[in-house]
Full PDB file with SEQRES, HELIX, SHEET, SSBOND, CRYST1, ORIGX, SCALE, CONECT and MASTER records, all heavy atoms in Angstrom:
SEQRES   1 A   30  HIS VAL THR HIS ALA ALA LEU TYR ARG LEU ASP GLY ARG          
SEQRES   2 A   30  LEU PHE ALA VAL TYR PRO SER LYS ALA ARG GLY GLY VAL          
SEQRES   3 A   30  PRO ALA MET LEU                                              
HELIX    1 AA1 ARG A   23  GLY A   25  5                                   3    
SHEET    1 AA1 2 ALA A   5  TYR A   8  0                                        
SHEET    2 AA1 2 LEU A  14  TYR A  18 -1                                        
CRYST1    1.000    1.000    1.000  90.00  90.00  90.00 P 1           1          
ORIGX1      1.000000  0.000000  0.000000        0.00000                         
ORIGX2      0.000000  1.000000  0.000000        0.00000                         
ORIGX3      0.000000  0.000000  1.000000        0.00000                         
SCALE1      1.000000  0.000000  0.000000        0.00000                         
SCALE2      0.000000  1.000000  0.000000        0.00000                         
SCALE3      0.000000  0.000000  1.000000        0.00000                         
ATOM      1  N   HIS A   1      -3.779  16.115   1.528  1.00  0.00           N  
ATOM      2  CA  HIS A   1      -3.170  15.704   2.795  1.00  0.00           C  
ATOM      3  C   HIS A   1      -2.958  14.194   2.876  1.00  0.00           C  
ATOM      4  O   HIS A   1      -2.236  13.720   3.754  1.00  0.00           O  
ATOM      5  CB  HIS A   1      -4.035  16.164   3.962  1.00  0.00           C  
ATOM      6  CG  HIS A   1      -4.176  17.650   4.050  1.00  0.00           C  
ATOM      7  ND1 HIS A   1      -3.120  18.492   4.314  1.00  0.00           N  
ATOM      8  CD2 HIS A   1      -5.258  18.460   3.882  1.00  0.00           C  
ATOM      9  CE1 HIS A   1      -3.537  19.748   4.311  1.00  0.00           C  
ATOM     10  NE2 HIS A   1      -4.824  19.755   4.048  1.00  0.00           N  
ATOM     11  N   VAL A   2      -3.582  13.417   1.994  1.00  0.00           N  
ATOM     12  CA  VAL A   2      -3.362  11.972   1.956  1.00  0.00           C  
ATOM     13  C   VAL A   2      -2.035  11.722   1.252  1.00  0.00           C  
ATOM     14  O   VAL A   2      -1.906  11.922   0.044  1.00  0.00           O  
ATOM     15  CB  VAL A   2      -4.509  11.246   1.235  1.00  0.00           C  
ATOM     16  CG1 VAL A   2      -4.192   9.752   1.124  1.00  0.00           C  
ATOM     17  CG2 VAL A   2      -5.820  11.447   1.973  1.00  0.00           C  
ATOM     18  N   THR A   3      -1.041  11.299   2.001  1.00  0.00           N  
ATOM     19  CA  THR A   3       0.303  11.103   1.442  1.00  0.00           C  
ATOM     20  C   THR A   3       0.493   9.698   0.884  1.00  0.00           C  
ATOM     21  O   THR A   3       1.215   9.516  -0.091  1.00  0.00           O  
ATOM     22  CB  THR A   3       1.366  11.370   2.512  1.00  0.00           C  
ATOM     23  OG1 THR A   3       1.124  10.518   3.654  1.00  0.00           O  
ATOM     24  CG2 THR A   3       1.310  12.830   2.967  1.00  0.00           C  
ATOM     25  N   HIS A   4      -0.145   8.693   1.503  1.00  0.00           N  
ATOM     26  CA  HIS A   4      -0.017   7.317   1.041  1.00  0.00           C  
ATOM     27  C   HIS A   4      -1.342   6.584   1.255  1.00  0.00           C  
ATOM     28  O   HIS A   4      -2.069   6.877   2.214  1.00  0.00           O  
ATOM     29  CB  HIS A   4       1.091   6.561   1.782  1.00  0.00           C  
ATOM     30  CG  HIS A   4       2.457   7.095   1.541  1.00  0.00           C  
ATOM     31  ND1 HIS A   4       3.007   8.101   2.297  1.00  0.00           N  
ATOM     32  CD2 HIS A   4       3.391   6.776   0.600  1.00  0.00           C  
ATOM     33  CE1 HIS A   4       4.228   8.378   1.850  1.00  0.00           C  
ATOM     34  NE2 HIS A   4       4.478   7.588   0.823  1.00  0.00           N  
ATOM     35  N   ALA A   5      -1.604   5.642   0.382  1.00  0.00           N  
ATOM     36  CA  ALA A   5      -2.745   4.752   0.527  1.00  0.00           C  
ATOM     37  C   ALA A   5      -2.378   3.411  -0.093  1.00  0.00           C  
ATOM     38  O   ALA A   5      -1.603   3.357  -1.065  1.00  0.00           O  
ATOM     39  CB  ALA A   5      -3.991   5.322  -0.147  1.00  0.00           C  
ATOM     40  N   ALA A   6      -2.921   2.352   0.448  1.00  0.00           N  
ATOM     41  CA  ALA A   6      -2.602   1.030  -0.070  1.00  0.00           C  
ATOM     42  C   ALA A   6      -3.780   0.097   0.157  1.00  0.00           C  
ATOM     43  O   ALA A   6      -4.500   0.209   1.153  1.00  0.00           O  
ATOM     44  CB  ALA A   6      -1.344   0.474   0.591  1.00  0.00           C  
ATOM     45  N   LEU A   7      -3.936  -0.808  -0.802  1.00  0.00           N  
ATOM     46  CA  LEU A   7      -4.990  -1.818  -0.721  1.00  0.00           C  
ATOM     47  C   LEU A   7      -4.323  -3.174  -0.561  1.00  0.00           C  
ATOM     48  O   LEU A   7      -3.373  -3.503  -1.290  1.00  0.00           O  
ATOM     49  CB  LEU A   7      -5.843  -1.774  -1.988  1.00  0.00           C  
ATOM     50  CG  LEU A   7      -7.199  -2.472  -1.971  1.00  0.00           C  
ATOM     51  CD1 LEU A   7      -8.107  -1.856  -0.907  1.00  0.00           C  
ATOM     52  CD2 LEU A   7      -7.857  -2.383  -3.345  1.00  0.00           C  
ATOM     53  N   TYR A   8      -4.820  -3.950   0.395  1.00  0.00           N  
ATOM     54  CA  TYR A   8      -4.219  -5.248   0.703  1.00  0.00           C  
ATOM     55  C   TYR A   8      -5.244  -6.359   0.495  1.00  0.00           C  
ATOM     56  O   TYR A   8      -6.441  -6.172   0.729  1.00  0.00           O  
ATOM     57  CB  TYR A   8      -3.718  -5.288   2.151  1.00  0.00           C  
ATOM     58  CG  TYR A   8      -2.575  -4.340   2.422  1.00  0.00           C  
ATOM     59  CD1 TYR A   8      -2.819  -3.000   2.709  1.00  0.00           C  
ATOM     60  CD2 TYR A   8      -1.259  -4.783   2.389  1.00  0.00           C  
ATOM     61  CE1 TYR A   8      -1.770  -2.119   2.947  1.00  0.00           C  
ATOM     62  CE2 TYR A   8      -0.208  -3.902   2.645  1.00  0.00           C  
ATOM     63  CZ  TYR A   8      -0.472  -2.580   2.915  1.00  0.00           C  
ATOM     64  OH  TYR A   8       0.561  -1.711   3.151  1.00  0.00           O  
ATOM     65  N   ARG A   9      -4.724  -7.502   0.083  1.00  0.00           N  
ATOM     66  CA  ARG A   9      -5.574  -8.687  -0.043  1.00  0.00           C  
ATOM     67  C   ARG A   9      -5.969  -9.181   1.352  1.00  0.00           C  
ATOM     68  O   ARG A   9      -5.455  -8.717   2.367  1.00  0.00           O  
ATOM     69  CB  ARG A   9      -4.854  -9.786  -0.807  1.00  0.00           C  
ATOM     70  CG  ARG A   9      -4.611  -9.473  -2.282  1.00  0.00           C  
ATOM     71  CD  ARG A   9      -3.947 -10.668  -2.963  1.00  0.00           C  
ATOM     72  NE  ARG A   9      -3.849 -10.488  -4.411  1.00  0.00           N  
ATOM     73  CZ  ARG A   9      -2.828  -9.912  -5.029  1.00  0.00           C  
ATOM     74  NH1 ARG A   9      -1.799  -9.439  -4.307  1.00  0.00           N  
ATOM     75  NH2 ARG A   9      -2.808  -9.793  -6.349  1.00  0.00           N  
ATOM     76  N   LEU A  10      -6.871 -10.134   1.360  1.00  0.00           N  
ATOM     77  CA  LEU A  10      -7.346 -10.658   2.643  1.00  0.00           C  
ATOM     78  C   LEU A  10      -6.228 -11.310   3.446  1.00  0.00           C  
ATOM     79  O   LEU A  10      -6.242 -11.284   4.685  1.00  0.00           O  
ATOM     80  CB  LEU A  10      -8.485 -11.662   2.401  1.00  0.00           C  
ATOM     81  CG  LEU A  10      -9.214 -12.191   3.643  1.00  0.00           C  
ATOM     82  CD1 LEU A  10      -9.851 -11.032   4.412  1.00  0.00           C  
ATOM     83  CD2 LEU A  10     -10.275 -13.206   3.252  1.00  0.00           C  
ATOM     84  N   ASP A  11      -5.244 -11.886   2.757  1.00  0.00           N  
ATOM     85  CA  ASP A  11      -4.130 -12.528   3.467  1.00  0.00           C  
ATOM     86  C   ASP A  11      -3.051 -11.543   3.893  1.00  0.00           C  
ATOM     87  O   ASP A  11      -2.023 -11.948   4.443  1.00  0.00           O  
ATOM     88  CB  ASP A  11      -3.523 -13.636   2.596  1.00  0.00           C  
ATOM     89  CG  ASP A  11      -2.972 -13.113   1.266  1.00  0.00           C  
ATOM     90  OD1 ASP A  11      -3.023 -11.878   1.053  1.00  0.00           O  
ATOM     91  OD2 ASP A  11      -2.515 -13.919   0.447  1.00  0.00           O  
ATOM     92  N   GLY A  12      -3.251 -10.245   3.626  1.00  0.00           N  
ATOM     93  CA  GLY A  12      -2.314  -9.236   4.070  1.00  0.00           C  
ATOM     94  C   GLY A  12      -1.296  -8.808   3.043  1.00  0.00           C  
ATOM     95  O   GLY A  12      -0.497  -7.906   3.312  1.00  0.00           O  
ATOM     96  N   ARG A  13      -1.312  -9.421   1.849  1.00  0.00           N  
ATOM     97  CA  ARG A  13      -0.344  -9.045   0.817  1.00  0.00           C  
ATOM     98  C   ARG A  13      -0.752  -7.744   0.132  1.00  0.00           C  
ATOM     99  O   ARG A  13      -1.926  -7.489  -0.075  1.00  0.00           O  
ATOM    100  CB  ARG A  13      -0.212 -10.164  -0.220  1.00  0.00           C  
ATOM    101  CG  ARG A  13       0.485 -11.426   0.296  1.00  0.00           C  
ATOM    102  CD  ARG A  13       0.572 -12.475  -0.803  1.00  0.00           C  
ATOM    103  NE  ARG A  13      -0.763 -12.887  -1.235  1.00  0.00           N  
ATOM    104  CZ  ARG A  13      -1.068 -13.216  -2.486  1.00  0.00           C  
ATOM    105  NH1 ARG A  13      -0.144 -13.128  -3.445  1.00  0.00           N  
ATOM    106  NH2 ARG A  13      -2.287 -13.611  -2.797  1.00  0.00           N  
ATOM    107  N   LEU A  14       0.252  -6.957  -0.230  1.00  0.00           N  
ATOM    108  CA  LEU A  14       0.015  -5.672  -0.883  1.00  0.00           C  
ATOM    109  C   LEU A  14      -0.587  -5.895  -2.269  1.00  0.00           C  
ATOM    110  O   LEU A  14      -0.090  -6.700  -3.064  1.00  0.00           O  
ATOM    111  CB  LEU A  14       1.320  -4.888  -0.979  1.00  0.00           C  
ATOM    112  CG  LEU A  14       1.234  -3.456  -1.519  1.00  0.00           C  
ATOM    113  CD1 LEU A  14       0.368  -2.596  -0.626  1.00  0.00           C  
ATOM    114  CD2 LEU A  14       2.638  -2.859  -1.649  1.00  0.00           C  
ATOM    115  N   PHE A  15      -1.657  -5.144  -2.587  1.00  0.00           N  
ATOM    116  CA  PHE A  15      -2.387  -5.330  -3.840  1.00  0.00           C  
ATOM    117  C   PHE A  15      -2.227  -4.120  -4.769  1.00  0.00           C  
ATOM    118  O   PHE A  15      -1.979  -4.262  -5.957  1.00  0.00           O  
ATOM    119  CB  PHE A  15      -3.870  -5.574  -3.530  1.00  0.00           C  
ATOM    120  CG  PHE A  15      -4.695  -5.916  -4.735  1.00  0.00           C  
ATOM    121  CD1 PHE A  15      -4.475  -7.092  -5.439  1.00  0.00           C  
ATOM    122  CD2 PHE A  15      -5.699  -5.074  -5.167  1.00  0.00           C  
ATOM    123  CE1 PHE A  15      -5.245  -7.423  -6.548  1.00  0.00           C  
ATOM    124  CE2 PHE A  15      -6.470  -5.375  -6.274  1.00  0.00           C  
ATOM    125  CZ  PHE A  15      -6.240  -6.557  -6.969  1.00  0.00           C  
ATOM    126  N   ALA A  16      -2.369  -2.905  -4.228  1.00  0.00           N  
ATOM    127  CA  ALA A  16      -2.207  -1.672  -5.008  1.00  0.00           C  
ATOM    128  C   ALA A  16      -1.807  -0.562  -4.050  1.00  0.00           C  
ATOM    129  O   ALA A  16      -2.082  -0.624  -2.839  1.00  0.00           O  
ATOM    130  CB  ALA A  16      -3.502  -1.311  -5.738  1.00  0.00           C  
ATOM    131  N   VAL A  17      -1.151   0.452  -4.595  1.00  0.00           N  
ATOM    132  CA  VAL A  17      -0.611   1.503  -3.747  1.00  0.00           C  
ATOM    133  C   VAL A  17      -0.802   2.865  -4.404  1.00  0.00           C  
ATOM    134  O   VAL A  17      -0.851   2.973  -5.631  1.00  0.00           O  
ATOM    135  CB  VAL A  17       0.891   1.256  -3.446  1.00  0.00           C  
ATOM    136  CG1 VAL A  17       1.712   1.352  -4.719  1.00  0.00           C  
ATOM    137  CG2 VAL A  17       1.416   2.219  -2.402  1.00  0.00           C  
ATOM    138  N   TYR A  18      -0.969   3.899  -3.575  1.00  0.00           N  
ATOM    139  CA  TYR A  18      -1.053   5.283  -4.033  1.00  0.00           C  
ATOM    140  C   TYR A  18      -0.078   6.133  -3.207  1.00  0.00           C  
ATOM    141  O   TYR A  18      -0.054   6.005  -1.968  1.00  0.00           O  
ATOM    142  CB  TYR A  18      -2.471   5.831  -3.850  1.00  0.00           C  
ATOM    143  CG  TYR A  18      -2.542   7.329  -3.999  1.00  0.00           C  
ATOM    144  CD1 TYR A  18      -2.621   7.914  -5.253  1.00  0.00           C  
ATOM    145  CD2 TYR A  18      -2.498   8.173  -2.871  1.00  0.00           C  
ATOM    146  CE1 TYR A  18      -2.668   9.307  -5.387  1.00  0.00           C  
ATOM    147  CE2 TYR A  18      -2.543   9.551  -3.014  1.00  0.00           C  
ATOM    148  CZ  TYR A  18      -2.631  10.111  -4.264  1.00  0.00           C  
ATOM    149  OH  TYR A  18      -2.665  11.474  -4.402  1.00  0.00           O  
ATOM    150  N   PRO A  19       0.728   6.973  -3.854  1.00  0.00           N  
ATOM    151  CA  PRO A  19       0.960   7.080  -5.302  1.00  0.00           C  
ATOM    152  C   PRO A  19       1.545   5.785  -5.859  1.00  0.00           C  
ATOM    153  O   PRO A  19       2.065   4.957  -5.098  1.00  0.00           O  
ATOM    154  CB  PRO A  19       1.946   8.243  -5.420  1.00  0.00           C  
ATOM    155  CG  PRO A  19       1.846   8.970  -4.121  1.00  0.00           C  
ATOM    156  CD  PRO A  19       1.517   7.949  -3.100  1.00  0.00           C  
ATOM    157  N   SER A  20       1.465   5.628  -7.162  1.00  0.00           N  
ATOM    158  CA  SER A  20       1.795   4.340  -7.777  1.00  0.00           C  
ATOM    159  C   SER A  20       3.235   3.920  -7.549  1.00  0.00           C  
ATOM    160  O   SER A  20       3.537   2.727  -7.608  1.00  0.00           O  
ATOM    161  CB  SER A  20       1.504   4.401  -9.286  1.00  0.00           C  
ATOM    162  OG  SER A  20       2.246   5.458  -9.898  1.00  0.00           O  
ATOM    163  N   LYS A  21       4.138   4.862  -7.275  1.00  0.00           N  
ATOM    164  CA  LYS A  21       5.543   4.529  -7.072  1.00  0.00           C  
ATOM    165  C   LYS A  21       5.967   4.674  -5.616  1.00  0.00           C  
ATOM    166  O   LYS A  21       7.146   4.846  -5.320  1.00  0.00           O  
ATOM    167  CB  LYS A  21       6.421   5.425  -7.955  1.00  0.00           C  
ATOM    168  CG  LYS A  21       6.170   5.231  -9.451  1.00  0.00           C  
ATOM    169  CD  LYS A  21       7.081   6.129 -10.268  1.00  0.00           C  
ATOM    170  CE  LYS A  21       6.829   5.936 -11.763  1.00  0.00           C  
ATOM    171  NZ  LYS A  21       7.712   6.799 -12.600  1.00  0.00           N  
ATOM    172  N   ALA A  22       5.007   4.586  -4.716  1.00  0.00           N  
ATOM    173  CA  ALA A  22       5.308   4.824  -3.293  1.00  0.00           C  
ATOM    174  C   ALA A  22       5.229   3.545  -2.477  1.00  0.00           C  
ATOM    175  O   ALA A  22       4.794   3.554  -1.335  1.00  0.00           O  
ATOM    176  CB  ALA A  22       4.356   5.863  -2.735  1.00  0.00           C  
ATOM    177  N   ARG A  23       5.646   2.428  -3.041  1.00  0.00           N  
ATOM    178  CA  ARG A  23       5.557   1.159  -2.311  1.00  0.00           C  
ATOM    179  C   ARG A  23       6.402   1.165  -1.041  1.00  0.00           C  
ATOM    180  O   ARG A  23       6.082   0.484  -0.073  1.00  0.00           O  
ATOM    181  CB  ARG A  23       5.972  -0.007  -3.213  1.00  0.00           C  
ATOM    182  CG  ARG A  23       4.958  -0.304  -4.311  1.00  0.00           C  
ATOM    183  CD  ARG A  23       5.358  -1.492  -5.166  1.00  0.00           C  
ATOM    184  NE  ARG A  23       4.313  -1.790  -6.129  1.00  0.00           N  
ATOM    185  CZ  ARG A  23       3.308  -2.625  -5.923  1.00  0.00           C  
ATOM    186  NH1 ARG A  23       3.221  -3.252  -4.757  1.00  0.00           N  
ATOM    187  NH2 ARG A  23       2.398  -2.844  -6.835  1.00  0.00           N  
ATOM    188  N   GLY A  24       7.480   1.926  -1.051  1.00  0.00           N  
ATOM    189  CA  GLY A  24       8.316   1.968   0.143  1.00  0.00           C  
ATOM    190  C   GLY A  24       7.709   2.758   1.290  1.00  0.00           C  
ATOM    191  O   GLY A  24       8.180   2.673   2.422  1.00  0.00           O  
ATOM    192  N   GLY A  25       6.633   3.497   1.015  1.00  0.00           N  
ATOM    193  CA  GLY A  25       6.029   4.320   2.050  1.00  0.00           C  
ATOM    194  C   GLY A  25       4.886   3.659   2.788  1.00  0.00           C  
ATOM    195  O   GLY A  25       4.286   4.266   3.680  1.00  0.00           O  
ATOM    196  N   VAL A  26       4.556   2.410   2.418  1.00  0.00           N  
ATOM    197  CA  VAL A  26       3.455   1.689   3.060  1.00  0.00           C  
ATOM    198  C   VAL A  26       3.974   0.344   3.551  1.00  0.00           C  
ATOM    199  O   VAL A  26       4.991  -0.155   3.055  1.00  0.00           O  
ATOM    200  CB  VAL A  26       2.281   1.485   2.071  1.00  0.00           C  
ATOM    201  CG1 VAL A  26       1.741   2.830   1.604  1.00  0.00           C  
ATOM    202  CG2 VAL A  26       2.700   0.642   0.883  1.00  0.00           C  
ATOM    203  N   PRO A  27       3.308  -0.267   4.533  1.00  0.00           N  
ATOM    204  CA  PRO A  27       3.747  -1.587   5.010  1.00  0.00           C  
ATOM    205  C   PRO A  27       3.688  -2.627   3.898  1.00  0.00           C  
ATOM    206  O   PRO A  27       2.767  -2.629   3.069  1.00  0.00           O  
ATOM    207  CB  PRO A  27       2.736  -1.902   6.122  1.00  0.00           C  
ATOM    208  CG  PRO A  27       2.174  -0.582   6.527  1.00  0.00           C  
ATOM    209  CD  PRO A  27       2.166   0.259   5.305  1.00  0.00           C  
ATOM    210  N   ALA A  28       4.684  -3.514   3.865  1.00  0.00           N  
ATOM    211  CA  ALA A  28       4.701  -4.571   2.851  1.00  0.00           C  
ATOM    212  C   ALA A  28       3.608  -5.597   3.100  1.00  0.00           C  
ATOM    213  O   ALA A  28       3.068  -6.192   2.162  1.00  0.00           O  
ATOM    214  CB  ALA A  28       6.075  -5.248   2.838  1.00  0.00           C  
ATOM    215  N   MET A  29       3.278  -5.808   4.361  1.00  0.00           N  
ATOM    216  CA  MET A  29       2.202  -6.725   4.752  1.00  0.00           C  
ATOM    217  C   MET A  29       1.328  -6.022   5.783  1.00  0.00           C  
ATOM    218  O   MET A  29       1.803  -5.178   6.537  1.00  0.00           O  
ATOM    219  CB  MET A  29       2.759  -8.017   5.355  1.00  0.00           C  
ATOM    220  CG  MET A  29       3.515  -8.902   4.378  1.00  0.00           C  
ATOM    221  SD  MET A  29       2.393  -9.847   3.312  1.00  0.00           S  
ATOM    222  CE  MET A  29       1.581 -10.924   4.509  1.00  0.00           C  
ATOM    223  N   LEU A  30       0.045  -6.398   5.808  1.00  0.00           N  
ATOM    224  CA  LEU A  30      -0.862  -5.794   6.773  1.00  0.00           C  
ATOM    225  C   LEU A  30      -1.845  -6.851   7.230  1.00  0.00           C  
ATOM    226  O   LEU A  30      -2.612  -7.396   6.425  1.00  0.00           O  
ATOM    227  CB  LEU A  30      -1.609  -4.615   6.150  1.00  0.00           C  
ATOM    228  CG  LEU A  30      -2.303  -3.660   7.129  1.00  0.00           C  
ATOM    229  CD1 LEU A  30      -1.269  -2.953   8.004  1.00  0.00           C  
ATOM    230  CD2 LEU A  30      -3.129  -2.630   6.387  1.00  0.00           C  
TER     231      LEU A  30                                                      
MASTER        0    0    0    1    2    0    0    6  230    1    0    3          
END                                                                             
């Protein structure tokens, strides 16, 4: 049921994403 997951650096920049090719499915900054 987990469709997207993403890890962000402390400054909000995207660091890693799941699935690996799903960058468009998560916020670019957080």
